[in-house]
Amino acid sequence: MKLPAVTDNYLRASNAHDVMSILSCFSEDAVVRDEGETLRGKKAIEGWIAKSIEKYKFQFKPRSVKEDDGEVVVSVKVSGTFPSSPVTLDYHFKLENEKILSLAID
């Protein structure tokens, strides 16, 4: 499957649990929506990344990708240390200048 480069980099860095490499995929004023929480800016996103790695010890396996109304939606099989693992979640990426401008996970 062909993913945009920054999306592929995000998934690879996430599987490596490399906080700084994940963070480098985001624009300075990026927004993340996950688990009912909205995080704005790289500092908040960095905390979310570190907390998520520690809490869930996740691994991602992309299942499909589609572009929908300017958004890249990647269906990801997520496994880790959480109830009902693994689950499949949709990662909605909005990209700008080869960076993630926003990410919503549902």
PDB file of N, CA and C in Angstrom:
ATOM      1  N   MET A   1       0.844  -1.170   0.000  1.00  0.00           N
ATOM      2  CA  MET A   1       0.000   0.000   0.000  1.00  0.00           C
ATOM      3  C   MET A   1       0.894   1.239   0.000  1.00  0.00           C
ATOM      4  N   LYS A   2       0.465   2.243  -0.723  1.00  0.00           N
ATOM      5  CA  LYS A   2       1.265   3.465  -0.879  1.00  0.00           C
ATOM      6  C   LYS A   2       0.759   4.542   0.067  1.00  0.00           C
ATOM      7  N   LEU A   3       1.559   4.845   1.079  1.00  0.00           N
ATOM      8  CA  LEU A   3       1.220   5.894   2.037  1.00  0.00           C
ATOM      9  C   LEU A   3       2.024   7.148   1.728  1.00  0.00           C
ATOM     10  N   PRO A   4       1.472   8.326   2.001  1.00  0.00           N
ATOM     11  CA  PRO A   4       2.289   9.533   1.904  1.00  0.00           C
ATOM     12  C   PRO A   4       3.519   9.376   2.824  1.00  0.00           C
ATOM     13  N   ALA A   5       4.643   9.939   2.427  1.00  0.00           N
ATOM     14  CA  ALA A   5       5.902   9.735   3.153  1.00  0.00           C
ATOM     15  C   ALA A   5       5.791  10.063   4.637  1.00  0.00           C
ATOM     16  N   VAL A   6       5.185  11.200   4.980  1.00  0.00           N
ATOM     17  CA  VAL A   6       5.129  11.586   6.389  1.00  0.00           C
ATOM     18  C   VAL A   6       4.242  10.627   7.190  1.00  0.00           C
ATOM     19  N   THR A   7       3.206  10.095   6.568  1.00  0.00           N
ATOM     20  CA  THR A   7       2.334   9.133   7.237  1.00  0.00           C
ATOM     21  C   THR A   7       3.093   7.825   7.475  1.00  0.00           C
ATOM     22  N   ASP A   8       3.814   7.381   6.474  1.00  0.00           N
ATOM     23  CA  ASP A   8       4.636   6.181   6.610  1.00  0.00           C
ATOM     24  C   ASP A   8       5.687   6.381   7.708  1.00  0.00           C
ATOM     25  N   ASN A   9       6.330   7.540   7.711  1.00  0.00           N
ATOM     26  CA  ASN A   9       7.332   7.845   8.746  1.00  0.00           C
ATOM     27  C   ASN A   9       6.705   7.829  10.139  1.00  0.00           C
ATOM     28  N   TYR A  10       5.502   8.393  10.271  1.00  0.00           N
ATOM     29  CA  TYR A  10       4.795   8.409  11.555  1.00  0.00           C
ATOM     30  C   TYR A  10       4.564   6.978  12.054  1.00  0.00           C
ATOM     31  N   LEU A  11       4.075   6.108  11.181  1.00  0.00           N
ATOM     32  CA  LEU A  11       3.787   4.733  11.579  1.00  0.00           C
ATOM     33  C   LEU A  11       5.055   3.968  11.947  1.00  0.00           C
ATOM     34  N   ARG A  12       6.112   4.148  11.155  1.00  0.00           N
ATOM     35  CA  ARG A  12       7.383   3.464  11.452  1.00  0.00           C
ATOM     36  C   ARG A  12       7.986   3.952  12.772  1.00  0.00           C
ATOM     37  N   ALA A  13       7.996   5.246  12.978  1.00  0.00           N
ATOM     38  CA  ALA A  13       8.546   5.801  14.215  1.00  0.00           C
ATOM     39  C   ALA A  13       7.706   5.378  15.412  1.00  0.00           C
ATOM     40  N   SER A  14       6.393   5.270  15.214  1.00  0.00           N
ATOM     41  CA  SER A  14       5.506   4.826  16.290  1.00  0.00           C
ATOM     42  C   SER A  14       5.829   3.387  16.686  1.00  0.00           C
ATOM     43  N   ASN A  15       6.029   2.528  15.700  1.00  0.00           N
ATOM     44  CA  ASN A  15       6.370   1.137  15.999  1.00  0.00           C
ATOM     45  C   ASN A  15       7.729   1.014  16.685  1.00  0.00           C
ATOM     46  N   ALA A  16       8.624   1.958  16.417  1.00  0.00           N
ATOM     47  CA  ALA A  16       9.944   1.968  17.067  1.00  0.00           C
ATOM     48  C   ALA A  16       9.887   2.643  18.441  1.00  0.00           C
ATOM     49  N   HIS A  17       8.722   3.226  18.774  1.00  0.00           N
ATOM     50  CA  HIS A  17       8.534   3.969  20.031  1.00  0.00           C
ATOM     51  C   HIS A  17       9.571   5.095  20.166  1.00  0.00           C
ATOM     52  N   ASP A  18       9.850   5.746  19.039  1.00  0.00           N
ATOM     53  CA  ASP A  18      10.836   6.832  18.973  1.00  0.00           C
ATOM     54  C   ASP A  18      10.107   8.175  19.053  1.00  0.00           C
ATOM     55  N   VAL A  19      10.006   8.703  20.275  1.00  0.00           N
ATOM     56  CA  VAL A  19       9.208   9.910  20.528  1.00  0.00           C
ATOM     57  C   VAL A  19       9.631  11.070  19.627  1.00  0.00           C
ATOM     58  N   MET A  20      10.921  11.336  19.528  1.00  0.00           N
ATOM     59  CA  MET A  20      11.368  12.506  18.757  1.00  0.00           C
ATOM     60  C   MET A  20      11.121  12.336  17.253  1.00  0.00           C
ATOM     61  N   SER A  21      11.267  11.120  16.753  1.00  0.00           N
ATOM     62  CA  SER A  21      10.983  10.882  15.332  1.00  0.00           C
ATOM     63  C   SER A  21       9.491  11.006  15.036  1.00  0.00           C
ATOM     64  N   ILE A  22       8.653  10.534  15.967  1.00  0.00           N
ATOM     65  CA  ILE A  22       7.204  10.712  15.798  1.00  0.00           C
ATOM     66  C   ILE A  22       6.885  12.201  15.787  1.00  0.00           C
ATOM     67  N   LEU A  23       7.412  12.913  16.770  1.00  0.00           N
ATOM     68  CA  LEU A  23       7.136  14.345  16.914  1.00  0.00           C
ATOM     69  C   LEU A  23       7.573  15.124  15.679  1.00  0.00           C
ATOM     70  N   SER A  24       8.668  14.707  15.051  1.00  0.00           N
ATOM     71  CA  SER A  24       9.180  15.429  13.877  1.00  0.00           C
ATOM     72  C   SER A  24       8.225  15.344  12.685  1.00  0.00           C
ATOM     73  N   CYS A  25       7.258  14.447  12.733  1.00  0.00           N
ATOM     74  CA  CYS A  25       6.280  14.324  11.648  1.00  0.00           C
ATOM     75  C   CYS A  25       5.217  15.423  11.702  1.00  0.00           C
ATOM     76  N   PHE A  26       5.091  16.095  12.842  1.00  0.00           N
ATOM     77  CA  PHE A  26       4.032  17.082  13.055  1.00  0.00           C
ATOM     78  C   PHE A  26       4.509  18.502  12.772  1.00  0.00           C
ATOM     79  N   SER A  27       3.580  19.340  12.286  1.00  0.00           N
ATOM     80  CA  SER A  27       3.860  20.768  12.128  1.00  0.00           C
ATOM     81  C   SER A  27       3.879  21.416  13.516  1.00  0.00           C
ATOM     82  N   GLU A  28       4.416  22.610  13.605  1.00  0.00           N
ATOM     83  CA  GLU A  28       4.549  23.305  14.900  1.00  0.00           C
ATOM     84  C   GLU A  28       3.195  23.529  15.576  1.00  0.00           C
ATOM     85  N   ASP A  29       2.166  23.798  14.779  1.00  0.00           N
ATOM     86  CA  ASP A  29       0.853  24.114  15.349  1.00  0.00           C
ATOM     87  C   ASP A  29      -0.159  22.978  15.127  1.00  0.00           C
ATOM     88  N   ALA A  30       0.335  21.754  15.071  1.00  0.00           N
ATOM     89  CA  ALA A  30      -0.506  20.592  14.819  1.00  0.00           C
ATOM     90  C   ALA A  30      -1.527  20.381  15.939  1.00  0.00           C
ATOM     91  N   VAL A  31      -2.585  19.658  15.596  1.00  0.00           N
ATOM     92  CA  VAL A  31      -3.644  19.304  16.539  1.00  0.00           C
ATOM     93  C   VAL A  31      -3.851  17.793  16.463  1.00  0.00           C
ATOM     94  N   VAL A  32      -3.968  17.160  17.644  1.00  0.00           N
ATOM     95  CA  VAL A  32      -4.267  15.727  17.725  1.00  0.00           C
ATOM     96  C   VAL A  32      -5.535  15.550  18.545  1.00  0.00           C
ATOM     97  N   ARG A  33      -6.443  14.714  18.040  1.00  0.00           N
ATOM     98  CA  ARG A  33      -7.657  14.347  18.781  1.00  0.00           C
ATOM     99  C   ARG A  33      -7.627  12.845  18.996  1.00  0.00           C
ATOM    100  N   ASP A  34      -7.611  12.442  20.277  1.00  0.00           N
ATOM    101  CA  ASP A  34      -7.541  11.026  20.621  1.00  0.00           C
ATOM    102  C   ASP A  34      -8.158  10.816  21.996  1.00  0.00           C
ATOM    103  N   GLU A  35      -8.952   9.771  22.134  1.00  0.00           N
ATOM    104  CA  GLU A  35      -9.574   9.401  23.405  1.00  0.00           C
ATOM    105  C   GLU A  35     -10.296  10.571  24.062  1.00  0.00           C
ATOM    106  N   GLY A  36     -11.030  11.355  23.262  1.00  0.00           N
ATOM    107  CA  GLY A  36     -11.813  12.470  23.782  1.00  0.00           C
ATOM    108  C   GLY A  36     -11.004  13.687  24.176  1.00  0.00           C
ATOM    109  N   GLU A  37      -9.722  13.694  23.860  1.00  0.00           N
ATOM    110  CA  GLU A  37      -8.825  14.787  24.239  1.00  0.00           C
ATOM    111  C   GLU A  37      -8.326  15.489  22.974  1.00  0.00           C
ATOM    112  N   THR A  38      -8.175  16.810  23.040  1.00  0.00           N
ATOM    113  CA  THR A  38      -7.601  17.579  21.940  1.00  0.00           C
ATOM    114  C   THR A  38      -6.304  18.199  22.421  1.00  0.00           C
ATOM    115  N   LEU A  39      -5.228  17.913  21.688  1.00  0.00           N
ATOM    116  CA  LEU A  39      -3.906  18.430  22.035  1.00  0.00           C
ATOM    117  C   LEU A  39      -3.457  19.385  20.945  1.00  0.00           C
ATOM    118  N   ARG A  40      -2.930  20.532  21.336  1.00  0.00           N
ATOM    119  CA  ARG A  40      -2.520  21.552  20.372  1.00  0.00           C
ATOM    120  C   ARG A  40      -1.056  21.903  20.567  1.00  0.00           C
ATOM    121  N   GLY A  41      -0.306  21.846  19.481  1.00  0.00           N
ATOM    122  CA  GLY A  41       1.107  22.229  19.510  1.00  0.00           C
ATOM    123  C   GLY A  41       2.012  21.070  19.876  1.00  0.00           C
ATOM    124  N   LYS A  42       3.272  21.213  19.476  1.00  0.00           N
ATOM    125  CA  LYS A  42       4.220  20.113  19.620  1.00  0.00           C
ATOM    126  C   LYS A  42       4.498  19.718  21.064  1.00  0.00           C
ATOM    127  N   LYS A  43       4.498  20.664  21.983  1.00  0.00           N
ATOM    128  CA  LYS A  43       4.782  20.328  23.383  1.00  0.00           C
ATOM    129  C   LYS A  43       3.706  19.396  23.940  1.00  0.00           C
ATOM    130  N   ALA A  44       2.444  19.729  23.707  1.00  0.00           N
ATOM    131  CA  ALA A  44       1.343  18.883  24.172  1.00  0.00           C
ATOM    132  C   ALA A  44       1.365  17.526  23.467  1.00  0.00           C
ATOM    133  N   ILE A  45       1.662  17.536  22.173  1.00  0.00           N
ATOM    134  CA  ILE A  45       1.699  16.297  21.406  1.00  0.00           C
ATOM    135  C   ILE A  45       2.836  15.403  21.884  1.00  0.00           C
ATOM    136  N   GLU A  46       3.963  15.989  22.220  1.00  0.00           N
ATOM    137  CA  GLU A  46       5.088  15.204  22.737  1.00  0.00           C
ATOM    138  C   GLU A  46       4.679  14.452  24.013  1.00  0.00           C
ATOM    139  N   GLY A  47       3.987  15.125  24.899  1.00  0.00           N
ATOM    140  CA  GLY A  47       3.518  14.485  26.129  1.00  0.00           C
ATOM    141  C   GLY A  47       2.549  13.346  25.838  1.00  0.00           C
ATOM    142  N   TRP A  48       1.645  13.560  24.889  1.00  0.00           N
ATOM    143  CA  TRP A  48       0.686  12.526  24.489  1.00  0.00           C
ATOM    144  C   TRP A  48       1.411  11.310  23.921  1.00  0.00           C
ATOM    145  N   ILE A  49       2.410  11.529  23.084  1.00  0.00           N
ATOM    146  CA  ILE A  49       3.166  10.423  22.491  1.00  0.00           C
ATOM    147  C   ILE A  49       3.836   9.601  23.586  1.00  0.00           C
ATOM    148  N   ALA A  50       4.562  10.271  24.467  1.00  0.00           N
ATOM    149  CA  ALA A  50       5.297   9.570  25.529  1.00  0.00           C
ATOM    150  C   ALA A  50       4.347   8.800  26.441  1.00  0.00           C
ATOM    151  N   LYS A  51       3.239   9.431  26.799  1.00  0.00           N
ATOM    152  CA  LYS A  51       2.253   8.792  27.679  1.00  0.00           C
ATOM    153  C   LYS A  51       1.626   7.577  26.992  1.00  0.00           C
ATOM    154  N   SER A  52       1.300   7.705  25.719  1.00  0.00           N
ATOM    155  CA  SER A  52       0.672   6.608  24.981  1.00  0.00           C
ATOM    156  C   SER A  52       1.616   5.410  24.843  1.00  0.00           C
ATOM    157  N   ILE A  53       2.882   5.671  24.563  1.00  0.00           N
ATOM    158  CA  ILE A  53       3.867   4.586  24.453  1.00  0.00           C
ATOM    159  C   ILE A  53       3.982   3.854  25.785  1.00  0.00           C
ATOM    160  N   GLU A  54       4.130   4.617  26.861  1.00  0.00           N
ATOM    161  CA  GLU A  54       4.292   4.024  28.191  1.00  0.00           C
ATOM    162  C   GLU A  54       3.050   3.225  28.602  1.00  0.00           C
ATOM    163  N   LYS A  55       1.886   3.780  28.342  1.00  0.00           N
ATOM    164  CA  LYS A  55       0.638   3.173  28.796  1.00  0.00           C
ATOM    165  C   LYS A  55       0.238   1.954  27.967  1.00  0.00           C
ATOM    166  N   TYR A  56       0.431   2.018  26.641  1.00  0.00           N
ATOM    167  CA  TYR A  56      -0.125   1.000  25.760  1.00  0.00           C
ATOM    168  C   TYR A  56       0.895   0.086  25.089  1.00  0.00           C
ATOM    169  N   LYS A  57       2.154   0.470  25.043  1.00  0.00           N
ATOM    170  CA  LYS A  57       3.192  -0.348  24.386  1.00  0.00           C
ATOM    171  C   LYS A  57       2.702  -0.847  23.014  1.00  0.00           C
ATOM    172  N   PHE A  58       2.131   0.064  22.233  1.00  0.00           N
ATOM    173  CA  PHE A  58       1.431  -0.279  20.998  1.00  0.00           C
ATOM    174  C   PHE A  58       2.350  -0.671  19.846  1.00  0.00           C
ATOM    175  N   GLN A  59       1.753  -1.384  18.915  1.00  0.00           N
ATOM    176  CA  GLN A  59       2.348  -1.676  17.614  1.00  0.00           C
ATOM    177  C   GLN A  59       1.265  -1.461  16.572  1.00  0.00           C
ATOM    178  N   PHE A  60       1.661  -0.871  15.442  1.00  0.00           N
ATOM    179  CA  PHE A  60       0.722  -0.534  14.380  1.00  0.00           C
ATOM    180  C   PHE A  60       0.970  -1.401  13.151  1.00  0.00           C
ATOM    181  N   LYS A  61      -0.118  -1.795  12.513  1.00  0.00           N
ATOM    182  CA  LYS A  61      -0.036  -2.461  11.216  1.00  0.00           C
ATOM    183  C   LYS A  61      -1.089  -1.833  10.309  1.00  0.00           C
ATOM    184  N   PRO A  62      -0.662  -1.019   9.341  1.00  0.00           N
ATOM    185  CA  PRO A  62      -1.634  -0.393   8.443  1.00  0.00           C
ATOM    186  C   PRO A  62      -2.349  -1.457   7.607  1.00  0.00           C
ATOM    187  N   ARG A  63      -3.674  -1.301   7.488  1.00  0.00           N
ATOM    188  CA  ARG A  63      -4.497  -2.269   6.761  1.00  0.00           C
ATOM    189  C   ARG A  63      -4.974  -1.711   5.424  1.00  0.00           C
ATOM    190  N   SER A  64      -5.302  -0.406   5.395  1.00  0.00           N
ATOM    191  CA  SER A  64      -5.770   0.205   4.151  1.00  0.00           C
ATOM    192  C   SER A  64      -5.578   1.712   4.242  1.00  0.00           C
ATOM    193  N   VAL A  65      -5.599   2.343   3.095  1.00  0.00           N
ATOM    194  CA  VAL A  65      -5.477   3.798   3.045  1.00  0.00           C
ATOM    195  C   VAL A  65      -6.428   4.321   1.979  1.00  0.00           C
ATOM    196  N   LYS A  66      -7.025   5.481   2.272  1.00  0.00           N
ATOM    197  CA  LYS A  66      -7.863   6.145   1.273  1.00  0.00           C
ATOM    198  C   LYS A  66      -7.749   7.649   1.492  1.00  0.00           C
ATOM    199  N   GLU A  67      -7.971   8.372   0.429  1.00  0.00           N
ATOM    200  CA  GLU A  67      -8.025   9.829   0.532  1.00  0.00           C
ATOM    201  C   GLU A  67      -9.480  10.224   0.467  1.00  0.00           C
ATOM    202  N   ASP A  68      -9.879  11.090   1.397  1.00  0.00           N
ATOM    203  CA  ASP A  68     -11.275  11.478   1.496  1.00  0.00           C
ATOM    204  C   ASP A  68     -11.358  12.953   1.848  1.00  0.00           C
ATOM    205  N   ASP A  69     -11.780  13.764   0.901  1.00  0.00           N
ATOM    206  CA  ASP A  69     -12.004  15.190   1.140  1.00  0.00           C
ATOM    207  C   ASP A  69     -10.776  15.879   1.743  1.00  0.00           C
ATOM    208  N   GLY A  70      -9.599  15.657   1.127  1.00  0.00           N
ATOM    209  CA  GLY A  70      -8.373  16.309   1.574  1.00  0.00           C
ATOM    210  C   GLY A  70      -7.716  15.653   2.770  1.00  0.00           C
ATOM    211  N   GLU A  71      -8.258  14.519   3.179  1.00  0.00           N
ATOM    212  CA  GLU A  71      -7.757  13.802   4.337  1.00  0.00           C
ATOM    213  C   GLU A  71      -7.199  12.455   3.881  1.00  0.00           C
ATOM    214  N   VAL A  72      -6.140  12.007   4.537  1.00  0.00           N
ATOM    215  CA  VAL A  72      -5.642  10.659   4.315  1.00  0.00           C
ATOM    216  C   VAL A  72      -6.123   9.839   5.505  1.00  0.00           C
ATOM    217  N   VAL A  73      -6.907   8.798   5.219  1.00  0.00           N
ATOM    218  CA  VAL A  73      -7.451   7.954   6.282  1.00  0.00           C
ATOM    219  C   VAL A  73      -6.773   6.592   6.183  1.00  0.00           C
ATOM    220  N   VAL A  74      -6.045   6.249   7.257  1.00  0.00           N
ATOM    221  CA  VAL A  74      -5.355   4.972   7.308  1.00  0.00           C
ATOM    222  C   VAL A  74      -6.035   4.106   8.365  1.00  0.00           C
ATOM    223  N   SER A  75      -6.498   2.953   7.949  1.00  0.00           N
ATOM    224  CA  SER A  75      -7.055   1.983   8.880  1.00  0.00           C
ATOM    225  C   SER A  75      -5.874   1.187   9.444  1.00  0.00           C
ATOM    226  N   VAL A  76      -5.742   1.204  10.778  1.00  0.00           N
ATOM    227  CA  VAL A  76      -4.568   0.634  11.429  1.00  0.00           C
ATOM    228  C   VAL A  76      -4.989  -0.411  12.462  1.00  0.00           C
ATOM    229  N   LYS A  77      -4.409  -1.591  12.357  1.00  0.00           N
ATOM    230  CA  LYS A  77      -4.591  -2.603  13.396  1.00  0.00           C
ATOM    231  C   LYS A  77      -3.603  -2.256  14.512  1.00  0.00           C
ATOM    232  N   VAL A  78      -4.140  -1.970  15.703  1.00  0.00           N
ATOM    233  CA  VAL A  78      -3.326  -1.543  16.840  1.00  0.00           C
ATOM    234  C   VAL A  78      -3.358  -2.643  17.896  1.00  0.00           C
ATOM    235  N   SER A  79      -2.175  -3.120  18.258  1.00  0.00           N
ATOM    236  CA  SER A  79      -2.085  -4.088  19.342  1.00  0.00           C
ATOM    237  C   SER A  79      -1.242  -3.469  20.457  1.00  0.00           C
ATOM    238  N   GLY A  80      -1.456  -3.932  21.674  1.00  0.00           N
ATOM    239  CA  GLY A  80      -0.703  -3.395  22.798  1.00  0.00           C
ATOM    240  C   GLY A  80      -1.287  -3.874  24.107  1.00  0.00           C
ATOM    241  N   THR A  81      -0.922  -3.178  25.176  1.00  0.00           N
ATOM    242  CA  THR A  81      -1.342  -3.560  26.524  1.00  0.00           C
ATOM    243  C   THR A  81      -2.603  -2.796  26.915  1.00  0.00           C
ATOM    244  N   PHE A  82      -3.704  -3.108  26.247  1.00  0.00           N
ATOM    245  CA  PHE A  82      -4.988  -2.486  26.563  1.00  0.00           C
ATOM    246  C   PHE A  82      -6.084  -3.519  26.343  1.00  0.00           C
ATOM    247  N   PRO A  83      -7.213  -3.356  27.032  1.00  0.00           N
ATOM    248  CA  PRO A  83      -8.314  -4.310  26.863  1.00  0.00           C
ATOM    249  C   PRO A  83      -8.761  -4.385  25.403  1.00  0.00           C
ATOM    250  N   SER A  84      -9.130  -5.551  24.979  1.00  0.00           N
ATOM    251  CA  SER A  84      -9.629  -5.849  23.633  1.00  0.00           C
ATOM    252  C   SER A  84      -8.568  -5.722  22.537  1.00  0.00           C
ATOM    253  N   SER A  85      -7.287  -5.708  22.907  1.00  0.00           N
ATOM    254  CA  SER A  85      -6.214  -5.690  21.907  1.00  0.00           C
ATOM    255  C   SER A  85      -6.243  -6.998  21.124  1.00  0.00           C
ATOM    256  N   PRO A  86      -6.076  -6.941  19.806  1.00  0.00           N
ATOM    257  CA  PRO A  86      -5.900  -5.759  18.966  1.00  0.00           C
ATOM    258  C   PRO A  86      -7.241  -5.170  18.533  1.00  0.00           C
ATOM    259  N   VAL A  87      -7.196  -3.897  18.148  1.00  0.00           N
ATOM    260  CA  VAL A  87      -8.355  -3.214  17.598  1.00  0.00           C
ATOM    261  C   VAL A  87      -7.936  -2.541  16.287  1.00  0.00           C
ATOM    262  N   THR A  88      -8.907  -2.265  15.457  1.00  0.00           N
ATOM    263  CA  THR A  88      -8.626  -1.514  14.231  1.00  0.00           C
ATOM    264  C   THR A  88      -9.211  -0.124  14.383  1.00  0.00           C
ATOM    265  N   LEU A  89      -8.357   0.869  14.211  1.00  0.00           N
ATOM    266  CA  LEU A  89      -8.747   2.276  14.348  1.00  0.00           C
ATOM    267  C   LEU A  89      -8.465   3.012  13.051  1.00  0.00           C
ATOM    268  N   ASP A  90      -9.238   4.057  12.804  1.00  0.00           N
ATOM    269  CA  ASP A  90      -8.989   4.921  11.649  1.00  0.00           C
ATOM    270  C   ASP A  90      -8.195   6.135  12.105  1.00  0.00           C
ATOM    271  N   TYR A  91      -7.094   6.372  11.420  1.00  0.00           N
ATOM    272  CA  TYR A  91      -6.236   7.531  11.665  1.00  0.00           C
ATOM    273  C   TYR A  91      -6.486   8.514  10.531  1.00  0.00           C
ATOM    274  N   HIS A  92      -7.062   9.670  10.878  1.00  0.00           N
ATOM    275  CA  HIS A  92      -7.420  10.696   9.898  1.00  0.00           C
ATOM    276  C   HIS A  92      -6.330  11.764   9.914  1.00  0.00           C
ATOM    277  N   PHE A  93      -5.518  11.780   8.875  1.00  0.00           N
ATOM    278  CA  PHE A  93      -4.414  12.732   8.769  1.00  0.00           C
ATOM    279  C   PHE A  93      -4.778  13.866   7.819  1.00  0.00           C
ATOM    280  N   LYS A  94      -4.523  15.089   8.237  1.00  0.00           N
ATOM    281  CA  LYS A  94      -4.525  16.233   7.322  1.00  0.00           C
ATOM    282  C   LYS A  94      -3.068  16.663   7.217  1.00  0.00           C
ATOM    283  N   LEU A  95      -2.586  16.751   5.993  1.00  0.00           N
ATOM    284  CA  LEU A  95      -1.169  17.016   5.749  1.00  0.00           C
ATOM    285  C   LEU A  95      -0.986  18.369   5.085  1.00  0.00           C
ATOM    286  N   GLU A  96       0.134  18.999   5.413  1.00  0.00           N
ATOM    287  CA  GLU A  96       0.481  20.272   4.790  1.00  0.00           C
ATOM    288  C   GLU A  96       1.993  20.408   4.805  1.00  0.00           C
ATOM    289  N   ASN A  97       2.570  20.703   3.644  1.00  0.00           N
ATOM    290  CA  ASN A  97       4.023  20.868   3.516  1.00  0.00           C
ATOM    291  C   ASN A  97       4.784  19.682   4.091  1.00  0.00           C
ATOM    292  N   GLU A  98       4.295  18.464   3.780  1.00  0.00           N
ATOM    293  CA  GLU A  98       4.935  17.218   4.204  1.00  0.00           C
ATOM    294  C   GLU A  98       5.036  17.060   5.718  1.00  0.00           C
ATOM    295  N   LYS A  99       4.086  17.652   6.419  1.00  0.00           N
ATOM    296  CA  LYS A  99       3.966  17.507   7.871  1.00  0.00           C
ATOM    297  C   LYS A  99       2.516  17.184   8.201  1.00  0.00           C
ATOM    298  N   ILE A 100       2.298  16.609   9.390  1.00  0.00           N
ATOM    299  CA  ILE A 100       0.945  16.347   9.857  1.00  0.00           C
ATOM    300  C   ILE A 100       0.400  17.618  10.491  1.00  0.00           C
ATOM    301  N   LEU A 101      -0.645  18.150   9.910  1.00  0.00           N
ATOM    302  CA  LEU A 101      -1.297  19.343  10.436  1.00  0.00           C
ATOM    303  C   LEU A 101      -2.315  18.957  11.505  1.00  0.00           C
ATOM    304  N   SER A 102      -3.029  17.842  11.257  1.00  0.00           N
ATOM    305  CA  SER A 102      -3.940  17.332  12.278  1.00  0.00           C
ATOM    306  C   SER A 102      -4.054  15.826  12.153  1.00  0.00           C
ATOM    307  N   LEU A 103      -4.345  15.202  13.281  1.00  0.00           N
ATOM    308  CA  LEU A 103      -4.545  13.775  13.361  1.00  0.00           C
ATOM    309  C   LEU A 103      -5.726  13.531  14.303  1.00  0.00           C
ATOM    310  N   ALA A 104      -6.720  12.816  13.799  1.00  0.00           N
ATOM    311  CA  ALA A 104      -7.853  12.405  14.634  1.00  0.00           C
ATOM    312  C   ALA A 104      -7.926  10.880  14.568  1.00  0.00           C
ATOM    313  N   ILE A 105      -8.035  10.259  15.736  1.00  0.00           N
ATOM    314  CA  ILE A 105      -8.054   8.807  15.829  1.00  0.00           C
ATOM    315  C   ILE A 105      -9.418   8.362  16.318  1.00  0.00           C
ATOM    316  N   ASP A 106     -10.053   7.485  15.539  1.00  0.00           N
ATOM    317  CA  ASP A 106     -11.338   6.926  15.972  1.00  0.00           C
ATOM    318  C   ASP A 106     -11.502   5.488  15.557  1.00  0.00           C
TER     319      ASP A 106
END
